[in-house]
Structure formats: C-alpha cells, structure tokens
Amino acid sequence: MASIYDFSANTLAGKELPLKQFEGQVLLIVNTASACGFTPQYKGLEALQKTYGPRGFSVLGFPCNQFGGQEPGDAAQIEQFCERNYGVTFPMFAKVDVNGGKAHPLFNYLKGEKTGLLGSAIKWNFTKFLVDRSGKVVARHAPTATPDSLTKEIEALL
C-alpha cells in the first residue's frame, strides 16, 4: 500500500525532494496560486509554519495553474512573489497539475485518501490536506477553510 512517504516532487529550484524527508511531521499540503481570491491565505499558511514548525509541522505548497490560469508564472516568478508578498519560508514545489491525466501522483493519492463533498476531484486552488505524523491523510479542507481555522486540528496532531 502506498504512503505519503513514497512520493517525491521537484522544488521550485528544480531539485527532487522525497517526502520521506518529512516523515514524523504533521503536514498541511496545499495547492496554491498567486492570482487567486484565496491567495492572501499565504499569510495564514506562513503563520502556521512559524507557530508550529518548531514542534514538527510543515506546510507544503504546490503551485497549480489548472483553475482559471491563476498561476501563470514560472518557478522564479512564483518564488519571488511568495517571498516578497508573504515572506513564505515553508517548502514550495514546482508547479503541478492536481486533476486529470497529468495530475501529480501525490495529488492522485491524496484525493484517493480523502474525497471532497463533490467527489475526489479538487475543485479550486488552496484545497488543503492534513497529514498526521505517521503519514496518514486525516482531513481534507475546502479552499474556503482559512489556515487559522485548522489550528485545533493541527494542535491535536502535534
């Protein structure tokens, strides 16, 4: 049976990063975009990272351009945007598809573990998957769920 730790993804810098590196941490995996109505959630995601990172938590951001073309930039532009506007320090990965035939295998796995209200497909940017320390996908949250609304769940897993 697959586990979250069986996957790897390329960072914005183009380096392959095995998710096994995050084994034992609580993770919040999010498909992101720089020109979305939910983009200000980067601020809340960074606040979670700063608050809970020292206790074994990490946000993992995966830019995606599948929803309204809201992530048109290349890796350098995405990195500059996130740093300049939100001071993002959590790991950001290369742009991925989250739905369809070219979806990143990690997102196919996440969607298989936790479906949404309308099925497994991701409906928009800033869908959030919460993963416990053992690598189990324990929750899926809609883009409308703000990062600070997840604090109780994150604290319970830490």
C-alpha atoms as a PDB file:
ATOM      1  CA  MET A   1       0.000   0.000   0.000  1.00  0.00           C
ATOM      2  CA  ALA A   2       1.316   3.451  -0.904  1.00  0.00           C
ATOM      3  CA  SER A   3       2.140   6.002   1.729  1.00  0.00           C
ATOM      4  CA  ILE A   4       2.694   9.747   1.566  1.00  0.00           C
ATOM      5  CA  TYR A   5       6.394   8.994   2.021  1.00  0.00           C
ATOM      6  CA  ASP A   6       6.567   7.003  -1.220  1.00  0.00           C
ATOM      7  CA  PHE A   7       6.289  10.202  -3.265  1.00  0.00           C
ATOM      8  CA  SER A   8       8.731  12.888  -4.250  1.00  0.00           C
ATOM      9  CA  ALA A   9       8.304  16.206  -6.012  1.00  0.00           C
ATOM     10  CA  ASN A  10      10.536  18.833  -7.526  1.00  0.00           C
ATOM     11  CA  THR A  11      11.119  22.030  -5.577  1.00  0.00           C
ATOM     12  CA  LEU A  12      10.809  25.448  -7.217  1.00  0.00           C
ATOM     13  CA  ALA A  13      14.591  25.247  -7.650  1.00  0.00           C
ATOM     14  CA  GLY A  14      14.122  22.051  -9.703  1.00  0.00           C
ATOM     15  CA  LYS A  15      15.607  19.684  -7.108  1.00  0.00           C
ATOM     16  CA  GLU A  16      13.788  16.403  -6.450  1.00  0.00           C
ATOM     17  CA  LEU A  17      12.712  16.220  -2.812  1.00  0.00           C
ATOM     18  CA  PRO A  18      11.482  12.900  -1.366  1.00  0.00           C
ATOM     19  CA  LEU A  19       8.558  13.403   1.002  1.00  0.00           C
ATOM     20  CA  LYS A  20      10.246  10.810   3.215  1.00  0.00           C
ATOM     21  CA  GLN A  21      12.278  13.816   4.403  1.00  0.00           C
ATOM     22  CA  PHE A  22       9.120  14.952   6.248  1.00  0.00           C
ATOM     23  CA  GLU A  23       8.500  11.610   7.969  1.00  0.00           C
ATOM     24  CA  GLY A  24       7.327  12.096  11.548  1.00  0.00           C
ATOM     25  CA  GLN A  25       5.971  15.592  10.914  1.00  0.00           C
ATOM     26  CA  VAL A  26       2.401  16.831  10.691  1.00  0.00           C
ATOM     27  CA  LEU A  27       1.912  18.196   7.163  1.00  0.00           C
ATOM     28  CA  LEU A  28      -0.541  20.549   5.506  1.00  0.00           C
ATOM     29  CA  ILE A  29      -0.331  20.006   1.746  1.00  0.00           C
ATOM     30  CA  VAL A  30      -1.911  22.822  -0.270  1.00  0.00           C
ATOM     31  CA  ASN A  31      -2.315  23.548  -3.982  1.00  0.00           C
ATOM     32  CA  THR A  32      -1.589  27.250  -4.295  1.00  0.00           C
ATOM     33  CA  ALA A  33      -1.823  30.102  -6.811  1.00  0.00           C
ATOM     34  CA  SER A  34      -0.502  33.656  -6.928  1.00  0.00           C
ATOM     35  CA  ALA A  35      -3.522  35.338  -8.575  1.00  0.00           C
ATOM     36  CA  CYS A  36      -6.445  33.713  -6.772  1.00  0.00           C
ATOM     37  CA  GLY A  37      -9.039  35.220  -4.471  1.00  0.00           C
ATOM     38  CA  PHE A  38      -7.654  32.873  -1.815  1.00  0.00           C
ATOM     39  CA  THR A  39      -4.016  33.941  -2.366  1.00  0.00           C
ATOM     40  CA  PRO A  40      -3.992  36.009   0.869  1.00  0.00           C
ATOM     41  CA  GLN A  41      -4.152  32.640   2.669  1.00  0.00           C
ATOM     42  CA  TYR A  42      -0.388  32.506   2.123  1.00  0.00           C
ATOM     43  CA  LYS A  43      -0.179  34.850   5.128  1.00  0.00           C
ATOM     44  CA  GLY A  44      -2.095  32.389   7.321  1.00  0.00           C
ATOM     45  CA  LEU A  45      -0.161  29.403   5.993  1.00  0.00           C
ATOM     46  CA  GLU A  46       3.113  31.148   6.854  1.00  0.00           C
ATOM     47  CA  ALA A  47       1.757  31.950  10.336  1.00  0.00           C
ATOM     48  CA  LEU A  48       1.012  28.232  10.848  1.00  0.00           C
ATOM     49  CA  GLN A  49       4.533  27.396   9.678  1.00  0.00           C
ATOM     50  CA  LYS A  50       6.129  29.871  12.087  1.00  0.00           C
ATOM     51  CA  THR A  51       3.929  28.827  15.023  1.00  0.00           C
ATOM     52  CA  TYR A  52       4.032  25.051  14.636  1.00  0.00           C
ATOM     53  CA  GLY A  53       7.202  24.424  12.598  1.00  0.00           C
ATOM     54  CA  PRO A  54       9.381  24.108  15.728  1.00  0.00           C
ATOM     55  CA  ARG A  55       7.004  21.399  17.003  1.00  0.00           C
ATOM     56  CA  GLY A  56       7.296  19.189  13.911  1.00  0.00           C
ATOM     57  CA  PHE A  57       4.859  20.724  11.427  1.00  0.00           C
ATOM     58  CA  SER A  58       5.278  21.877   7.853  1.00  0.00           C
ATOM     59  CA  VAL A  59       3.153  23.410   5.146  1.00  0.00           C
ATOM     60  CA  LEU A  60       3.999  22.082   1.675  1.00  0.00           C
ATOM     61  CA  GLY A  61       2.903  24.393  -1.141  1.00  0.00           C
ATOM     62  CA  PHE A  62       2.235  23.118  -4.658  1.00  0.00           C
ATOM     63  CA  PRO A  63       1.507  25.868  -7.209  1.00  0.00           C
ATOM     64  CA  CYS A  64      -1.163  24.916  -9.726  1.00  0.00           C
ATOM     65  CA  ASN A  65      -2.374  26.694 -12.874  1.00  0.00           C
ATOM     66  CA  GLN A  66      -5.421  24.481 -13.546  1.00  0.00           C
ATOM     67  CA  PHE A  67      -8.026  26.829 -12.083  1.00  0.00           C
ATOM     68  CA  GLY A  68      -8.635  29.994 -14.053  1.00  0.00           C
ATOM     69  CA  GLY A  69      -4.980  30.282 -15.098  1.00  0.00           C
ATOM     70  CA  GLN A  70      -4.238  31.778 -11.679  1.00  0.00           C
ATOM     71  CA  GLU A  71      -0.613  30.607 -11.510  1.00  0.00           C
ATOM     72  CA  PRO A  72       0.844  31.623 -14.882  1.00  0.00           C
ATOM     73  CA  GLY A  73       4.386  32.411 -13.689  1.00  0.00           C
ATOM     74  CA  ASP A  74       7.497  30.290 -13.877  1.00  0.00           C
ATOM     75  CA  ALA A  75       9.274  28.925 -10.815  1.00  0.00           C
ATOM     76  CA  ALA A  76      11.392  32.056 -10.275  1.00  0.00           C
ATOM     77  CA  GLN A  77       8.351  34.345 -10.504  1.00  0.00           C
ATOM     78  CA  ILE A  78       6.369  32.167  -8.080  1.00  0.00           C
ATOM     79  CA  GLU A  79       9.241  32.120  -5.585  1.00  0.00           C
ATOM     80  CA  GLN A  80       9.742  35.897  -5.789  1.00  0.00           C
ATOM     81  CA  PHE A  81       6.004  36.538  -5.395  1.00  0.00           C
ATOM     82  CA  CYS A  82       5.727  34.301  -2.316  1.00  0.00           C
ATOM     83  CA  GLU A  83       8.827  35.741  -0.638  1.00  0.00           C
ATOM     84  CA  ARG A  84       8.139  39.395  -1.460  1.00  0.00           C
ATOM     85  CA  ASN A  85       4.426  39.463  -0.633  1.00  0.00           C
ATOM     86  CA  TYR A  86       4.072  36.870   2.131  1.00  0.00           C
ATOM     87  CA  GLY A  87       7.556  36.041   3.430  1.00  0.00           C
ATOM     88  CA  VAL A  88       6.963  32.359   2.694  1.00  0.00           C
ATOM     89  CA  THR A  89       9.529  30.107   4.368  1.00  0.00           C
ATOM     90  CA  PHE A  90       7.761  26.748   4.009  1.00  0.00           C
ATOM     91  CA  PRO A  91       8.747  24.399   1.163  1.00  0.00           C
ATOM     92  CA  MET A  92       7.312  25.372  -2.209  1.00  0.00           C
ATOM     93  CA  PHE A  93       7.346  22.879  -5.031  1.00  0.00           C
ATOM     94  CA  ALA A  94       7.323  23.146  -8.804  1.00  0.00           C
ATOM     95  CA  LYS A  95       4.005  23.829 -10.488  1.00  0.00           C
ATOM     96  CA  VAL A  96       1.841  20.692 -10.758  1.00  0.00           C
ATOM     97  CA  ASP A  97      -1.499  19.546 -12.099  1.00  0.00           C
ATOM     98  CA  VAL A  98      -3.802  18.229  -9.388  1.00  0.00           C
ATOM     99  CA  ASN A  99      -6.562  16.837 -11.635  1.00  0.00           C
ATOM    100  CA  GLY A 100      -6.677  14.997 -14.937  1.00  0.00           C
ATOM    101  CA  GLY A 101      -4.324  12.684 -16.780  1.00  0.00           C
ATOM    102  CA  LYS A 102      -1.222  14.728 -15.933  1.00  0.00           C
ATOM    103  CA  ALA A 103      -2.016  15.097 -12.215  1.00  0.00           C
ATOM    104  CA  HIS A 104       0.971  14.666  -9.929  1.00  0.00           C
ATOM    105  CA  PRO A 105       0.864  11.164  -8.370  1.00  0.00           C
ATOM    106  CA  LEU A 106       0.923  12.707  -4.881  1.00  0.00           C
ATOM    107  CA  PHE A 107      -2.358  14.503  -5.547  1.00  0.00           C
ATOM    108  CA  ASN A 108      -3.931  11.366  -7.013  1.00  0.00           C
ATOM    109  CA  TYR A 109      -3.005   9.642  -3.759  1.00  0.00           C
ATOM    110  CA  LEU A 110      -4.314  12.467  -1.564  1.00  0.00           C
ATOM    111  CA  LYS A 111      -7.620  12.596  -3.463  1.00  0.00           C
ATOM    112  CA  GLY A 112      -7.972   8.824  -3.140  1.00  0.00           C
ATOM    113  CA  GLU A 113      -7.442   9.003   0.618  1.00  0.00           C
ATOM    114  CA  LYS A 114      -9.878  11.877   1.256  1.00  0.00           C
ATOM    115  CA  THR A 115     -12.578  12.813  -1.205  1.00  0.00           C
ATOM    116  CA  GLY A 116     -14.369  16.134  -1.136  1.00  0.00           C
ATOM    117  CA  LEU A 117     -18.067  16.899  -0.872  1.00  0.00           C
ATOM    118  CA  LEU A 118     -18.481  16.539  -4.628  1.00  0.00           C
ATOM    119  CA  GLY A 119     -16.132  13.608  -5.205  1.00  0.00           C
ATOM    120  CA  SER A 120     -12.385  13.216  -5.426  1.00  0.00           C
ATOM    121  CA  ALA A 121     -11.515  15.984  -7.919  1.00  0.00           C
ATOM    122  CA  ILE A 122     -10.008  19.143  -6.481  1.00  0.00           C
ATOM    123  CA  LYS A 123     -12.382  22.000  -7.217  1.00  0.00           C
ATOM    124  CA  TRP A 124     -10.092  25.047  -6.787  1.00  0.00           C
ATOM    125  CA  ASN A 125      -6.804  26.408  -5.501  1.00  0.00           C
ATOM    126  CA  PHE A 126      -5.994  26.269  -1.786  1.00  0.00           C
ATOM    127  CA  THR A 127      -7.559  22.868  -1.140  1.00  0.00           C
ATOM    128  CA  LYS A 128      -5.791  21.584   1.966  1.00  0.00           C
ATOM    129  CA  PHE A 129      -4.853  18.046   3.015  1.00  0.00           C
ATOM    130  CA  LEU A 130      -3.821  17.453   6.630  1.00  0.00           C
ATOM    131  CA  VAL A 131      -1.436  14.531   7.235  1.00  0.00           C
ATOM    132  CA  ASP A 132      -0.568  13.111  10.663  1.00  0.00           C
ATOM    133  CA  ARG A 133       2.901  12.138  11.928  1.00  0.00           C
ATOM    134  CA  SER A 134       2.506   8.574  10.635  1.00  0.00           C
ATOM    135  CA  GLY A 135       1.779   9.798   7.095  1.00  0.00           C
ATOM    136  CA  LYS A 136      -1.984   9.177   7.198  1.00  0.00           C
ATOM    137  CA  VAL A 137      -4.193  11.697   5.392  1.00  0.00           C
ATOM    138  CA  VAL A 138      -6.604  12.644   8.175  1.00  0.00           C
ATOM    139  CA  ALA A 139      -8.556  15.569   6.703  1.00  0.00           C
ATOM    140  CA  ARG A 140      -9.331  17.476   3.537  1.00  0.00           C
ATOM    141  CA  HIS A 141     -10.431  21.098   3.682  1.00  0.00           C
ATOM    142  CA  ALA A 142     -12.039  23.255   1.008  1.00  0.00           C
ATOM    143  CA  PRO A 143     -10.333  26.425  -0.242  1.00  0.00           C
ATOM    144  CA  THR A 144     -12.734  28.475   1.893  1.00  0.00           C
ATOM    145  CA  ALA A 145     -11.282  26.966   5.096  1.00  0.00           C
ATOM    146  CA  THR A 146      -8.843  29.544   6.405  1.00  0.00           C
ATOM    147  CA  PRO A 147      -5.478  28.397   7.741  1.00  0.00           C
ATOM    148  CA  ASP A 148      -6.272  29.697  11.246  1.00  0.00           C
ATOM    149  CA  SER A 149      -9.451  27.583  11.304  1.00  0.00           C
ATOM    150  CA  LEU A 150      -7.194  24.489  11.256  1.00  0.00           C
ATOM    151  CA  THR A 151      -5.234  25.268  14.435  1.00  0.00           C
ATOM    152  CA  LYS A 152      -7.215  22.935  16.729  1.00  0.00           C
ATOM    153  CA  GLU A 153      -6.783  20.020  14.337  1.00  0.00           C
ATOM    154  CA  ILE A 154      -3.063  20.715  13.906  1.00  0.00           C
ATOM    155  CA  GLU A 155      -2.521  21.052  17.668  1.00  0.00           C
ATOM    156  CA  ALA A 156      -4.332  17.751  18.282  1.00  0.00           C
ATOM    157  CA  LEU A 157      -1.947  16.005  15.875  1.00  0.00           C
ATOM    158  CA  LEU A 158       1.177  17.565  17.368  1.00  0.00           C
END
